[in-house]
C-alpha atoms as a PDB file:
ATOM      1  CA  MET A   1      13.841  -2.144   9.439  1.00  0.00           C
ATOM      2  CA  SER A   2      11.205  -4.294  11.142  1.00  0.00           C
ATOM      3  CA  ALA A   3      11.986  -7.392  13.169  1.00  0.00           C
ATOM      4  CA  ASP A   4      10.242  -9.595  10.599  1.00  0.00           C
ATOM      5  CA  ALA A   5      12.349  -8.127   7.816  1.00  0.00           C
ATOM      6  CA  SER A   6      15.566  -8.702   9.763  1.00  0.00           C
ATOM      7  CA  ARG A   7      14.662 -12.374  10.317  1.00  0.00           C
ATOM      8  CA  THR A   8      13.827 -13.048   6.681  1.00  0.00           C
ATOM      9  CA  PRO A   9      17.426 -13.637   5.408  1.00  0.00           C
ATOM     10  CA  SER A  10      17.930 -16.422   7.987  1.00  0.00           C
ATOM     11  CA  ARG A  11      15.251 -18.435   6.202  1.00  0.00           C
ATOM     12  CA  TRP A  12      17.382 -18.403   3.064  1.00  0.00           C
ATOM     13  CA  VAL A  13      20.382 -19.567   5.082  1.00  0.00           C
ATOM     14  CA  GLY A  14      18.294 -22.468   6.310  1.00  0.00           C
ATOM     15  CA  LEU A  15      17.253 -23.254   2.738  1.00  0.00           C
ATOM     16  CA  GLY A  16      20.866 -23.232   1.550  1.00  0.00           C
ATOM     17  CA  THR A  17      22.028 -25.402   4.440  1.00  0.00           C
ATOM     18  CA  ALA A  18      19.171 -27.844   3.862  1.00  0.00           C
ATOM     19  CA  THR A  19      20.056 -28.018   0.167  1.00  0.00           C
ATOM     20  CA  VAL A  20      23.658 -28.936   1.000  1.00  0.00           C
ATOM     21  CA  GLY A  21      22.475 -31.555   3.466  1.00  0.00           C
ATOM     22  CA  VAL A  22      19.928 -33.143   1.137  1.00  0.00           C
ATOM     23  CA  LEU A  23      22.293 -33.305  -1.848  1.00  0.00           C
ATOM     24  CA  THR A  24      25.011 -34.790   0.356  1.00  0.00           C
ATOM     25  CA  LEU A  25      22.667 -37.488   1.622  1.00  0.00           C
ATOM     26  CA  VAL A  26      21.494 -38.247  -1.895  1.00  0.00           C
ATOM     27  CA  ASP A  27      25.103 -38.537  -3.044  1.00  0.00           C
ATOM     28  CA  VAL A  28      25.980 -40.907  -0.200  1.00  0.00           C
ATOM     29  CA  ALA A  29      22.836 -42.977  -0.748  1.00  0.00           C
ATOM     30  CA  GLY A  30      23.533 -43.147  -4.470  1.00  0.00           C
ATOM     31  CA  GLY A  31      27.060 -44.343  -3.804  1.00  0.00           C
ATOM     32  CA  LEU A  32      25.727 -47.128  -1.605  1.00  0.00           C
ATOM     33  CA  VAL A  33      23.215 -48.238  -4.200  1.00  0.00           C
ATOM     34  CA  GLU A  34      25.366 -47.833  -7.315  1.00  0.00           C
ATOM     35  CA  GLN A  35      28.555 -49.815  -7.621  1.00  0.00           C
ATOM     36  CA  ASP A  36      30.081 -46.961  -9.610  1.00  0.00           C
ATOM     37  CA  ARG A  37      30.347 -44.222  -6.964  1.00  0.00           C
ATOM     38  CA  GLU A  38      31.892 -41.804  -9.445  1.00  0.00           C
ATOM     39  CA  PHE A  39      28.778 -42.084 -11.600  1.00  0.00           C
ATOM     40  CA  ALA A  40      26.544 -41.344  -8.574  1.00  0.00           C
ATOM     41  CA  ASN A  41      28.596 -38.307  -7.507  1.00  0.00           C
ATOM     42  CA  LEU A  42      26.489 -35.108  -7.186  1.00  0.00           C
ATOM     43  CA  SER A  43      29.137 -32.648  -6.082  1.00  0.00           C
ATOM     44  CA  GLY A  44      28.444 -30.322  -9.010  1.00  0.00           C
ATOM     45  CA  THR A  45      24.794 -29.906  -8.040  1.00  0.00           C
ATOM     46  CA  LEU A  46      25.853 -28.269  -4.754  1.00  0.00           C
ATOM     47  CA  ALA A  47      26.084 -25.036  -6.789  1.00  0.00           C
ATOM     48  CA  LEU A  48      22.332 -24.840  -6.198  1.00  0.00           C
ATOM     49  CA  ALA A  49      22.824 -24.067  -2.471  1.00  0.00           C
ATOM     50  CA  PRO A  50      24.495 -20.619  -2.746  1.00  0.00           C
ATOM     51  CA  ALA A  51      22.230 -19.743  -5.677  1.00  0.00           C
ATOM     52  CA  LEU A  52      19.141 -20.313  -3.528  1.00  0.00           C
ATOM     53  CA  THR A  53      20.615 -18.453  -0.549  1.00  0.00           C
ATOM     54  CA  GLY A  54      21.499 -15.455  -2.723  1.00  0.00           C
ATOM     55  CA  VAL A  55      17.838 -14.970  -3.630  1.00  0.00           C
ATOM     56  CA  GLY A  56      17.028 -13.528  -0.208  1.00  0.00           C
ATOM     57  CA  GLY A  57      20.102 -13.756   1.999  1.00  0.00           C
ATOM     58  CA  THR A  58      22.868 -11.254   2.606  1.00  0.00           C
ATOM     59  CA  ARG A  59      26.268 -11.355   0.920  1.00  0.00           C
ATOM     60  CA  ARG A  60      27.914 -12.758   4.047  1.00  0.00           C
ATOM     61  CA  GLN A  61      25.300 -15.468   4.427  1.00  0.00           C
ATOM     62  CA  THR A  62      25.534 -16.387   0.759  1.00  0.00           C
ATOM     63  CA  ALA A  63      29.320 -16.533   0.955  1.00  0.00           C
ATOM     64  CA  GLY A  64      29.097 -18.808   3.987  1.00  0.00           C
ATOM     65  CA  ILE A  65      26.759 -21.230   2.246  1.00  0.00           C
ATOM     66  CA  GLY A  66      28.963 -21.085  -0.851  1.00  0.00           C
ATOM     67  CA  ALA A  67      32.021 -22.020   1.211  1.00  0.00           C
ATOM     68  CA  LEU A  68      30.107 -24.885   2.849  1.00  0.00           C
ATOM     69  CA  ALA A  69      28.928 -26.135  -0.547  1.00  0.00           C
ATOM     70  CA  LEU A  70      32.454 -25.962  -1.997  1.00  0.00           C
ATOM     71  CA  ALA A  71      33.918 -27.853   0.984  1.00  0.00           C
ATOM     72  CA  MET A  72      31.305 -30.598   0.650  1.00  0.00           C
ATOM     73  CA  ALA A  73      31.895 -30.760  -3.109  1.00  0.00           C
ATOM     74  CA  VAL A  74      35.622 -31.378  -2.490  1.00  0.00           C
ATOM     75  CA  ILE A  75      34.919 -34.005   0.184  1.00  0.00           C
ATOM     76  CA  LEU A  76      32.374 -35.856  -1.939  1.00  0.00           C
ATOM     77  CA  SER A  77      34.636 -35.811  -4.991  1.00  0.00           C
ATOM     78  CA  LEU A  78      37.481 -37.301  -3.003  1.00  0.00           C
ATOM     79  CA  ALA A  79      35.273 -39.819  -1.198  1.00  0.00           C
ATOM     80  CA  ASP A  80      33.674 -41.027  -4.436  1.00  0.00           C
ATOM     81  CA  GLY A  81      36.996 -41.379  -6.209  1.00  0.00           C
ATOM     82  CA  VAL A  82      36.236 -38.808  -8.885  1.00  0.00           C
ATOM     83  CA  PRO A  83      39.262 -38.206 -11.159  1.00  0.00           C
ATOM     84  CA  LEU A  84      41.154 -35.026 -10.395  1.00  0.00           C
ATOM     85  CA  TRP A  85      40.250 -33.271 -13.636  1.00  0.00           C
ATOM     86  CA  ALA A  86      36.521 -34.088 -13.282  1.00  0.00           C
ATOM     87  CA  GLY A  87      36.449 -33.161  -9.608  1.00  0.00           C
ATOM     88  CA  SER A  88      38.226 -29.873 -10.335  1.00  0.00           C
ATOM     89  CA  ILE A  89      35.605 -28.959 -12.928  1.00  0.00           C
ATOM     90  CA  ARG A  90      32.707 -29.754 -10.582  1.00  0.00           C
ATOM     91  CA  CYS A  91      34.233 -27.847  -7.686  1.00  0.00           C
ATOM     92  CA  THR A  92      34.973 -24.885  -9.973  1.00  0.00           C
ATOM     93  CA  VAL A  93      31.307 -24.790 -10.975  1.00  0.00           C
ATOM     94  CA  VAL A  94      30.310 -24.690  -7.298  1.00  0.00           C
ATOM     95  CA  ALA A  95      32.854 -21.938  -6.573  1.00  0.00           C
ATOM     96  CA  LEU A  96      31.712 -19.824  -9.528  1.00  0.00           C
ATOM     97  CA  ALA A  97      28.077 -20.240  -8.500  1.00  0.00           C
ATOM     98  CA  GLY A  98      29.010 -19.012  -5.024  1.00  0.00           C
ATOM     99  CA  VAL A  99      30.821 -15.925  -6.347  1.00  0.00           C
ATOM    100  CA  VAL A 100      27.997 -14.989  -8.709  1.00  0.00           C
ATOM    101  CA  SER A 101      25.418 -15.529  -5.979  1.00  0.00           C
ATOM    102  CA  VAL A 102      27.347 -13.248  -3.605  1.00  0.00           C
ATOM    103  CA  LEU A 103      27.424 -10.501  -6.254  1.00  0.00           C
ATOM    104  CA  VAL A 104      23.701 -10.910  -6.919  1.00  0.00           C
ATOM    105  CA  ALA A 105      22.919 -10.811  -3.196  1.00  0.00           C
ATOM    106  CA  GLY A 106      24.901  -7.589  -2.801  1.00  0.00           C
ATOM    107  CA  HIS A 107      23.191  -5.911  -5.735  1.00  0.00           C
ATOM    108  CA  ARG A 108      19.777  -7.011  -4.504  1.00  0.00           C
ATOM    109  CA  ARG A 109      20.538  -5.651  -1.038  1.00  0.00           C
ATOM    110  CA  VAL A 110      21.437  -2.235  -2.466  1.00  0.00           C
ATOM    111  CA  GLN A 111      18.286  -2.120  -4.582  1.00  0.00           C
ATOM    112  CA  THR A 112      16.147  -3.156  -1.614  1.00  0.00           C
ATOM    113  CA  GLU A 113      17.590  -0.375   0.537  1.00  0.00           C
ATOM    114  CA  LEU A 114      17.012   2.178  -2.227  1.00  0.00           C
ATOM    115  CA  LEU A 115      13.413   1.034  -2.579  1.00  0.00           C
ATOM    116  CA  GLN A 116      12.918   1.212   1.189  1.00  0.00           C
ATOM    117  CA  ASP A 117      14.331   4.755   1.257  1.00  0.00           C
ATOM    118  CA  ARG A 118      11.994   5.737  -1.580  1.00  0.00           C
ATOM    119  CA  GLN A 119       8.978   4.328   0.224  1.00  0.00           C
ATOM    120  CA  ASP A 120       9.949   5.992   3.511  1.00  0.00           C
ATOM    121  CA  ALA A 121      10.405   9.359   1.803  1.00  0.00           C
ATOM    122  CA  ALA A 122       7.105   9.037  -0.048  1.00  0.00           C
ATOM    123  CA  ARG A 123       5.197   8.095   3.108  1.00  0.00           C
ATOM    124  CA  THR A 124       6.780  10.968   5.029  1.00  0.00           C
ATOM    125  CA  LEU A 125       5.860  13.392   2.255  1.00  0.00           C
ATOM    126  CA  GLN A 126       2.322  12.096   2.071  1.00  0.00           C
ATOM    127  CA  ALA A 127       1.854  12.285   5.832  1.00  0.00           C
ATOM    128  CA  ALA A 128       3.050  15.892   5.750  1.00  0.00           C
ATOM    129  CA  MET A 129       0.594  16.739   2.961  1.00  0.00           C
ATOM    130  CA  VAL A 130      -2.384  15.103   4.662  1.00  0.00           C
ATOM    131  CA  GLY A 131      -1.830  17.055   7.859  1.00  0.00           C
ATOM    132  CA  GLU A 132      -4.082  17.191  10.922  1.00  0.00           C
ATOM    133  CA  LEU A 133      -7.773  17.914  11.356  1.00  0.00           C
ATOM    134  CA  PRO A 134      -8.686  21.257  12.952  1.00  0.00           C
ATOM    135  CA  ALA A 135     -10.090  21.532  16.458  1.00  0.00           C
ATOM    136  CA  HIS A 136     -13.774  22.428  16.339  1.00  0.00           C
ATOM    137  CA  ASP A 137     -16.224  23.407  19.078  1.00  0.00           C
ATOM    138  CA  ASP A 138     -19.332  22.182  17.254  1.00  0.00           C
ATOM    139  CA  LEU A 139     -17.998  19.231  15.234  1.00  0.00           C
ATOM    140  CA  GLU A 140     -15.946  16.255  16.254  1.00  0.00           C
ATOM    141  CA  LEU A 141     -13.671  15.201  13.385  1.00  0.00           C
ATOM    142  CA  VAL A 142     -11.760  11.918  13.113  1.00  0.00           C
ATOM    143  CA  ALA A 143     -10.000  10.378  10.107  1.00  0.00           C
ATOM    144  CA  ARG A 144      -8.011   7.310   9.197  1.00  0.00           C
ATOM    145  CA  TYR A 145      -5.595   6.732   6.317  1.00  0.00           C
ATOM    146  CA  LEU A 146      -4.200   3.333   5.320  1.00  0.00           C
ATOM    147  CA  PRO A 147      -1.720   2.887   2.449  1.00  0.00           C
ATOM    148  CA  ALA A 148      -2.113   0.210  -0.189  1.00  0.00           C
ATOM    149  CA  ALA A 149      -0.777  -3.215   0.737  1.00  0.00           C
ATOM    150  CA  ALA A 150       1.252  -3.320  -2.502  1.00  0.00           C
ATOM    151  CA  GLY A 151       3.218  -0.980  -4.751  1.00  0.00           C
ATOM    152  CA  ASP A 152       4.938   2.026  -3.163  1.00  0.00           C
ATOM    153  CA  GLN A 153       2.481   1.875  -0.236  1.00  0.00           C
ATOM    154  CA  VAL A 154       1.485   5.450  -0.900  1.00  0.00           C
ATOM    155  CA  GLY A 155      -1.222   6.788  -3.119  1.00  0.00           C
ATOM    156  CA  GLY A 156      -3.596   9.478  -4.188  1.00  0.00           C
ATOM    157  CA  ASP A 157      -6.208   9.303  -1.433  1.00  0.00           C
ATOM    158  CA  TRP A 158      -6.515  12.300   0.865  1.00  0.00           C
ATOM    159  CA  PHE A 159      -8.796  13.962   3.383  1.00  0.00           C
ATOM    160  CA  ASP A 160      -9.022  17.507   4.631  1.00  0.00           C
ATOM    161  CA  ALA A 161     -11.168  19.763   6.787  1.00  0.00           C
ATOM    162  CA  VAL A 162     -11.150  23.561   6.722  1.00  0.00           C
ATOM    163  CA  VAL A 163     -13.152  26.104   8.732  1.00  0.00           C
ATOM    164  CA  ASP A 164     -13.748  29.366   6.871  1.00  0.00           C
ATOM    165  CA  PRO A 165     -14.245  32.846   8.428  1.00  0.00           C
ATOM    166  CA  HIS A 166     -18.039  32.314   8.540  1.00  0.00           C
ATOM    167  CA  GLY A 167     -17.791  29.168  10.643  1.00  0.00           C
ATOM    168  CA  VAL A 168     -18.612  26.827   7.763  1.00  0.00           C
ATOM    169  CA  THR A 169     -16.656  23.575   7.849  1.00  0.00           C
ATOM    170  CA  THR A 170     -15.594  22.136   4.524  1.00  0.00           C
ATOM    171  CA  LEU A 171     -14.820  18.419   4.457  1.00  0.00           C
ATOM    172  CA  VAL A 172     -12.952  17.021   1.472  1.00  0.00           C
ATOM    173  CA  VAL A 173     -12.124  13.449   0.535  1.00  0.00           C
ATOM    174  CA  GLY A 174     -10.443  12.724  -2.785  1.00  0.00           C
ATOM    175  CA  ASP A 175      -8.829   9.913  -4.691  1.00  0.00           C
ATOM    176  CA  VAL A 176      -6.293  10.435  -7.490  1.00  0.00           C
ATOM    177  CA  THR A 177      -6.013   7.380  -9.724  1.00  0.00           C
ATOM    178  CA  GLY A 178      -3.026   5.196  -8.894  1.00  0.00           C
ATOM    179  CA  HIS A 179      -1.235   4.270  -5.688  1.00  0.00           C
ATOM    180  CA  ASP A 180       2.348   5.275  -6.300  1.00  0.00           C
ATOM    181  CA  VAL A 181       4.616   8.274  -5.785  1.00  0.00           C
ATOM    182  CA  ARG A 182       3.249  10.080  -8.845  1.00  0.00           C
ATOM    183  CA  ALA A 183      -0.317   9.750  -7.545  1.00  0.00           C
ATOM    184  CA  ALA A 184       0.796  11.122  -4.175  1.00  0.00           C
ATOM    185  CA  ALA A 185       2.397  14.129  -5.864  1.00  0.00           C
ATOM    186  CA  SER A 186      -0.749  14.865  -7.887  1.00  0.00           C
ATOM    187  CA  MET A 187      -2.809  14.473  -4.743  1.00  0.00           C
ATOM    188  CA  GLY A 188      -0.710  17.123  -3.020  1.00  0.00           C
ATOM    189  CA  GLN A 189      -1.398  19.606  -5.819  1.00  0.00           C
ATOM    190  CA  LEU A 190      -5.161  19.067  -5.809  1.00  0.00           C
ATOM    191  CA  ARG A 191      -5.417  19.109  -2.028  1.00  0.00           C
ATOM    192  CA  ALA A 192      -3.504  22.375  -1.796  1.00  0.00           C
ATOM    193  CA  MET A 193      -5.765  24.062  -4.360  1.00  0.00           C
ATOM    194  CA  VAL A 194      -9.025  22.942  -2.752  1.00  0.00           C
ATOM    195  CA  ARG A 195      -7.717  23.902   0.676  1.00  0.00           C
ATOM    196  CA  ALA A 196      -6.790  27.399  -0.489  1.00  0.00           C
ATOM    197  CA  TYR A 197     -10.174  27.945  -2.129  1.00  0.00           C
ATOM    198  CA  ALA A 198     -12.140  26.593   0.854  1.00  0.00           C
ATOM    199  CA  VAL A 199     -10.399  28.661   3.516  1.00  0.00           C
ATOM    200  CA  GLU A 200     -11.399  31.861   1.705  1.00  0.00           C
ATOM    201  CA  GLY A 201     -15.079  31.147   2.346  1.00  0.00           C
ATOM    202  CA  GLY A 202     -18.051  32.190   0.255  1.00  0.00           C
ATOM    203  CA  SER A 203     -17.862  29.289  -2.234  1.00  0.00           C
ATOM    204  CA  GLY A 204     -20.179  26.295  -2.081  1.00  0.00           C
ATOM    205  CA  PRO A 205     -19.166  22.718  -2.985  1.00  0.00           C
ATOM    206  CA  VAL A 206     -20.081  23.159  -6.656  1.00  0.00           C
ATOM    207  CA  GLN A 207     -18.107  26.396  -6.899  1.00  0.00           C
ATOM    208  CA  LEU A 208     -15.092  24.782  -5.242  1.00  0.00           C
ATOM    209  CA  LEU A 209     -15.178  21.882  -7.702  1.00  0.00           C
ATOM    210  CA  ALA A 210     -15.611  24.315 -10.602  1.00  0.00           C
ATOM    211  CA  ARG A 211     -12.540  26.273  -9.523  1.00  0.00           C
ATOM    212  CA  LEU A 212     -10.605  23.014  -9.207  1.00  0.00           C
ATOM    213  CA  ASP A 213     -11.729  21.936 -12.695  1.00  0.00           C
ATOM    214  CA  ALA A 214     -10.601  25.263 -14.132  1.00  0.00           C
ATOM    215  CA  ALA A 215      -7.217  25.128 -12.394  1.00  0.00           C
ATOM    216  CA  VAL A 216      -6.539  21.582 -13.598  1.00  0.00           C
ATOM    217  CA  ALA A 217      -7.443  22.563 -17.166  1.00  0.00           C
ATOM    218  CA  ARG A 218      -5.423  25.798 -17.203  1.00  0.00           C
ATOM    219  CA  LEU A 219      -2.374  24.227 -15.627  1.00  0.00           C
ATOM    220  CA  ARG A 220      -2.702  21.225 -17.980  1.00  0.00           C
ATOM    221  CA  LEU A 221      -2.321  18.770 -15.150  1.00  0.00           C
ATOM    222  CA  GLU A 222      -2.481  15.169 -16.316  1.00  0.00           C
ATOM    223  CA  VAL A 223      -4.589  13.896 -13.467  1.00  0.00           C
ATOM    224  CA  LEU A 224      -7.855  12.061 -12.902  1.00  0.00           C
ATOM    225  CA  ALA A 225      -9.449  12.237  -9.483  1.00  0.00           C
ATOM    226  CA  THR A 226     -12.709  11.666  -7.681  1.00  0.00           C
ATOM    227  CA  VAL A 227     -13.573  14.282  -5.065  1.00  0.00           C
ATOM    228  CA  VAL A 228     -16.462  14.793  -2.678  1.00  0.00           C
ATOM    229  CA  ILE A 229     -16.877  18.128  -0.894  1.00  0.00           C
ATOM    230  CA  VAL A 230     -19.234  18.526   2.059  1.00  0.00           C
ATOM    231  CA  GLN A 231     -19.965  21.799   3.851  1.00  0.00           C
ATOM    232  CA  ILE A 232     -21.625  21.978   7.267  1.00  0.00           C
ATOM    233  CA  ASP A 233     -22.709  25.334   8.652  1.00  0.00           C
ATOM    234  CA  PRO A 234     -23.099  26.087  12.399  1.00  0.00           C
ATOM    235  CA  ARG A 235     -26.857  25.372  12.193  1.00  0.00           C
ATOM    236  CA  GLY A 236     -26.357  21.874  10.831  1.00  0.00           C
ATOM    237  CA  ALA A 237     -27.270  22.597   7.210  1.00  0.00           C
ATOM    238  CA  VAL A 238     -25.284  20.371   4.850  1.00  0.00           C
ATOM    239  CA  ARG A 239     -24.381  21.021   1.222  1.00  0.00           C
ATOM    240  CA  TRP A 240     -22.382  18.557  -0.816  1.00  0.00           C
ATOM    241  CA  ALA A 241     -21.253  17.731  -4.335  1.00  0.00           C
ATOM    242  CA  SER A 242     -19.414  14.780  -5.819  1.00  0.00           C
ATOM    243  CA  ALA A 243     -17.057  14.467  -8.760  1.00  0.00           C
ATOM    244  CA  GLY A 244     -17.390  10.743  -9.346  1.00  0.00           C
ATOM    245  CA  HIS A 245     -16.822   9.961  -5.673  1.00  0.00           C
ATOM    246  CA  PRO A 246     -18.871   7.716  -3.348  1.00  0.00           C
ATOM    247  CA  ALA A 247     -21.669   9.649  -1.673  1.00  0.00           C
ATOM    248  CA  PRO A 248     -21.462  10.528   2.044  1.00  0.00           C
ATOM    249  CA  ILE A 249     -23.153   8.294   4.605  1.00  0.00           C
ATOM    250  CA  ARG A 250     -25.367  10.042   7.176  1.00  0.00           C
ATOM    251  CA  ASP A 251     -26.348   8.032  10.232  1.00  0.00           C
ATOM    252  CA  GLY A 252     -25.993   4.727   8.403  1.00  0.00           C
ATOM    253  CA  GLN A 253     -27.734   5.745   5.153  1.00  0.00           C
ATOM    254  CA  VAL A 254     -26.098   6.624   1.844  1.00  0.00           C
ATOM    255  CA  LEU A 255     -27.202  10.111   0.787  1.00  0.00           C
ATOM    256  CA  ASP A 256     -29.053  10.361  -2.525  1.00  0.00           C
ATOM    257  CA  GLY A 257     -27.312  12.460  -5.129  1.00  0.00           C
ATOM    258  CA  SER A 258     -25.570  12.398  -8.469  1.00  0.00           C
ATOM    259  CA  GLN A 259     -21.934  11.475  -8.982  1.00  0.00           C
ATOM    260  CA  ASP A 260     -20.761  13.876 -11.660  1.00  0.00           C
ATOM    261  CA  VAL A 261     -17.702  13.326 -13.868  1.00  0.00           C
ATOM    262  CA  LEU A 262     -14.226  13.062 -12.389  1.00  0.00           C
ATOM    263  CA  VAL A 263     -11.910  16.027 -12.037  1.00  0.00           C
ATOM    264  CA  GLY A 264      -9.611  16.113 -15.044  1.00  0.00           C
ATOM    265  CA  VAL A 265     -11.972  14.523 -17.566  1.00  0.00           C
ATOM    266  CA  ILE A 266     -13.196  17.775 -19.126  1.00  0.00           C
ATOM    267  CA  GLY A 267     -12.456  21.389 -18.361  1.00  0.00           C
ATOM    268  CA  ASP A 268     -15.937  22.719 -17.484  1.00  0.00           C
ATOM    269  CA  PRO A 269     -18.315  19.879 -16.533  1.00  0.00           C
ATOM    270  CA  GLU A 270     -21.802  20.330 -15.135  1.00  0.00           C
ATOM    271  CA  ARG A 271     -21.866  19.956 -11.360  1.00  0.00           C
ATOM    272  CA  HIS A 272     -24.846  19.416  -9.055  1.00  0.00           C
ATOM    273  CA  GLU A 273     -25.254  20.399  -5.415  1.00  0.00           C
ATOM    274  CA  HIS A 274     -27.265  18.407  -2.871  1.00  0.00           C
ATOM    275  CA  ARG A 275     -28.603  19.488   0.522  1.00  0.00           C
ATOM    276  CA  THR A 276     -29.526  17.792   3.763  1.00  0.00           C
ATOM    277  CA  ARG A 277     -29.200  18.313   7.533  1.00  0.00           C
ATOM    278  CA  LEU A 278     -27.049  16.923  10.287  1.00  0.00           C
ATOM    279  CA  ASP A 279     -28.801  16.919  13.637  1.00  0.00           C
ATOM    280  CA  ARG A 280     -27.122  17.070  17.017  1.00  0.00           C
ATOM    281  CA  GLY A 281     -25.404  13.742  17.592  1.00  0.00           C
ATOM    282  CA  GLY A 282     -25.645  12.933  13.894  1.00  0.00           C
ATOM    283  CA  THR A 283     -22.672  11.475  12.054  1.00  0.00           C
ATOM    284  CA  LEU A 284     -21.420  11.922   8.500  1.00  0.00           C
ATOM    285  CA  LEU A 285     -19.002   9.374   7.081  1.00  0.00           C
ATOM    286  CA  LEU A 286     -16.894   9.994   3.964  1.00  0.00           C
ATOM    287  CA  HIS A 287     -14.648   7.368   2.407  1.00  0.00           C
ATOM    288  CA  THR A 288     -12.701   6.421  -0.696  1.00  0.00           C
ATOM    289  CA  ASP A 289     -13.655   3.449  -2.851  1.00  0.00           C
ATOM    290  CA  GLY A 290     -10.664   1.421  -1.654  1.00  0.00           C
ATOM    291  CA  LEU A 291     -12.639   0.725   1.513  1.00  0.00           C
ATOM    292  CA  VAL A 292     -15.451  -1.168  -0.219  1.00  0.00           C
ATOM    293  CA  GLU A 293     -13.894  -2.461  -3.449  1.00  0.00           C
ATOM    294  CA  ARG A 294     -12.682  -6.041  -3.677  1.00  0.00           C
ATOM    295  CA  ARG A 295     -11.557  -8.011  -6.677  1.00  0.00           C
ATOM    296  CA  GLU A 296     -14.205 -10.195  -8.290  1.00  0.00           C
ATOM    297  CA  GLU A 297     -16.935  -8.841  -5.997  1.00  0.00           C
ATOM    298  CA  ASP A 298     -19.857  -6.583  -6.803  1.00  0.00           C
ATOM    299  CA  LEU A 299     -19.321  -3.095  -5.404  1.00  0.00           C
ATOM    300  CA  ARG A 300     -22.801  -3.154  -3.863  1.00  0.00           C
ATOM    301  CA  ILE A 301     -21.744  -6.010  -1.597  1.00  0.00           C
ATOM    302  CA  GLY A 302     -18.929  -3.895  -0.216  1.00  0.00           C
ATOM    303  CA  VAL A 303     -21.234  -0.916   0.306  1.00  0.00           C
ATOM    304  CA  GLN A 304     -23.726  -3.101   2.135  1.00  0.00           C
ATOM    305  CA  ARG A 305     -20.943  -4.492   4.296  1.00  0.00           C
ATOM    306  CA  LEU A 306     -19.971  -0.918   5.154  1.00  0.00           C
ATOM    307  CA  LEU A 307     -23.527   0.056   6.108  1.00  0.00           C
ATOM    308  CA  VAL A 308     -23.807  -2.978   8.378  1.00  0.00           C
ATOM    309  CA  ALA A 309     -20.543  -2.032  10.101  1.00  0.00           C
ATOM    310  CA  VAL A 310     -21.672   1.582  10.521  1.00  0.00           C
ATOM    311  CA  GLY A 311     -24.918   0.396  12.063  1.00  0.00           C
ATOM    312  CA  GLU A 312     -23.068  -1.881  14.448  1.00  0.00           C
ATOM    313  CA  HIS A 313     -20.412   0.607  15.596  1.00  0.00           C
ATOM    314  CA  GLY A 314     -22.193   3.913  14.997  1.00  0.00           C
ATOM    315  CA  ARG A 315     -23.332   4.408  18.591  1.00  0.00           C
ATOM    316  CA  GLY A 316     -19.799   4.408  19.916  1.00  0.00           C
ATOM    317  CA  SER A 317     -17.182   7.133  19.738  1.00  0.00           C
ATOM    318  CA  LEU A 318     -15.908   8.240  16.345  1.00  0.00           C
ATOM    319  CA  PRO A 319     -12.522   6.517  16.808  1.00  0.00           C
ATOM    320  CA  HIS A 320     -14.396   3.350  17.774  1.00  0.00           C
ATOM    321  CA  LEU A 321     -16.619   3.713  14.709  1.00  0.00           C
ATOM    322  CA  LEU A 322     -13.760   4.133  12.247  1.00  0.00           C
ATOM    323  CA  ASP A 323     -11.665   1.365  13.767  1.00  0.00           C
ATOM    324  CA  GLY A 324     -14.660  -0.972  13.691  1.00  0.00           C
ATOM    325  CA  VAL A 325     -15.454  -0.092  10.082  1.00  0.00           C
ATOM    326  CA  LEU A 326     -11.881  -0.718   8.959  1.00  0.00           C
ATOM    327  CA  ARG A 327     -11.748  -4.000  10.862  1.00  0.00           C
ATOM    328  CA  ASP A 328     -15.065  -5.314   9.511  1.00  0.00           C
ATOM    329  CA  VAL A 329     -15.032  -3.971   5.959  1.00  0.00           C
ATOM    330  CA  LEU A 330     -11.470  -3.664   4.704  1.00  0.00           C
ATOM    331  CA  HIS A 331      -9.812  -6.664   3.088  1.00  0.00           C
ATOM    332  CA  PRO A 332      -6.425  -7.456   4.732  1.00  0.00           C
ATOM    333  CA  GLU A 333      -4.690  -7.389   1.337  1.00  0.00           C
ATOM    334  CA  HIS A 334      -6.411  -4.275   0.013  1.00  0.00           C
ATOM    335  CA  ILE A 335      -4.938  -3.197  -3.321  1.00  0.00           C
ATOM    336  CA  ASP A 336      -5.742   0.498  -2.936  1.00  0.00           C
ATOM    337  CA  ASP A 337      -5.083   3.061  -0.248  1.00  0.00           C
ATOM    338  CA  VAL A 338      -8.030   3.975   1.961  1.00  0.00           C
ATOM    339  CA  VAL A 339      -9.349   7.135   3.602  1.00  0.00           C
ATOM    340  CA  VAL A 340     -12.221   7.347   6.057  1.00  0.00           C
ATOM    341  CA  LEU A 341     -13.347  10.693   7.511  1.00  0.00           C
ATOM    342  CA  ALA A 342     -16.140  11.098  10.048  1.00  0.00           C
ATOM    343  CA  ALA A 343     -17.833  14.236  11.442  1.00  0.00           C
ATOM    344  CA  ARG A 344     -20.320  14.314  14.331  1.00  0.00           C
ATOM    345  CA  ARG A 345     -22.225  17.284  15.670  1.00  0.00           C
ATOM    346  CA  ARG A 346     -21.639  17.573  19.384  1.00  0.00           C
END
């Protein structure tokens, strides 16, 4: 658990303590103003203190605040001359609130730990599925993955790079809809299929997408995904195809080409292949839409922001480029996971 997370419960202890202090002061001030101190007695309202602490504090902290609230309730009842039967009722309410709050705090703690374990397992699984980029003599490859800032903090975005027996490098970036454990599981299935097809060699981007479409249909996988596949041969020739995915960016310019339908929409869609070149020193950048999408903002603004960042950081190293792009383009509270993959001919 992080240091920030471990400090969080102490804030609820402070809130509970402050609640006891404020209600006590109000009670005392009311007794000074009102001639009838019994009427101004607020001992029963001290039940609020353990209830507030139990929202985020531990069981022990909640119990401590409950004991403090009960002690102050007894003192105030006696000091204000509250009849025994009335004081007993008010103190019982405070005690019951403390017990219930302790039980709630314990249950919440268990659920929080279970959720943390689930997130840790999902992130570990996703990291294992994403894997590492291959070493390449002719291409420098660098990638970044950032989970969503909300939800299970995992998702369906992935990247991959495979070199086939003919020396052709296949770059893949995909995005399964959703950013939860189910999306991560579907992502693992699609990534494994594309990876297996690509490593065989002999299939272009359109053929790889067609085989993926057929597999999804035959296996009846309930999945929707955008995928872009780019192949670079040793001479710098580039072939690419997109299934509803953002087009690659070459040296700061978005490549022209169609975005065909997503994988999983229909079984045998029409796919189109596009061709270009990557010169020595040239850079290709692939990304998922989580990088440029922001709520209540036109997508074109995000794309333009990305192109500006690529132009500003593109002359540096690939790690410098990707770090600069993420810093300048990505919203701190991004709602989707993000993948960025860059390739540069040496």
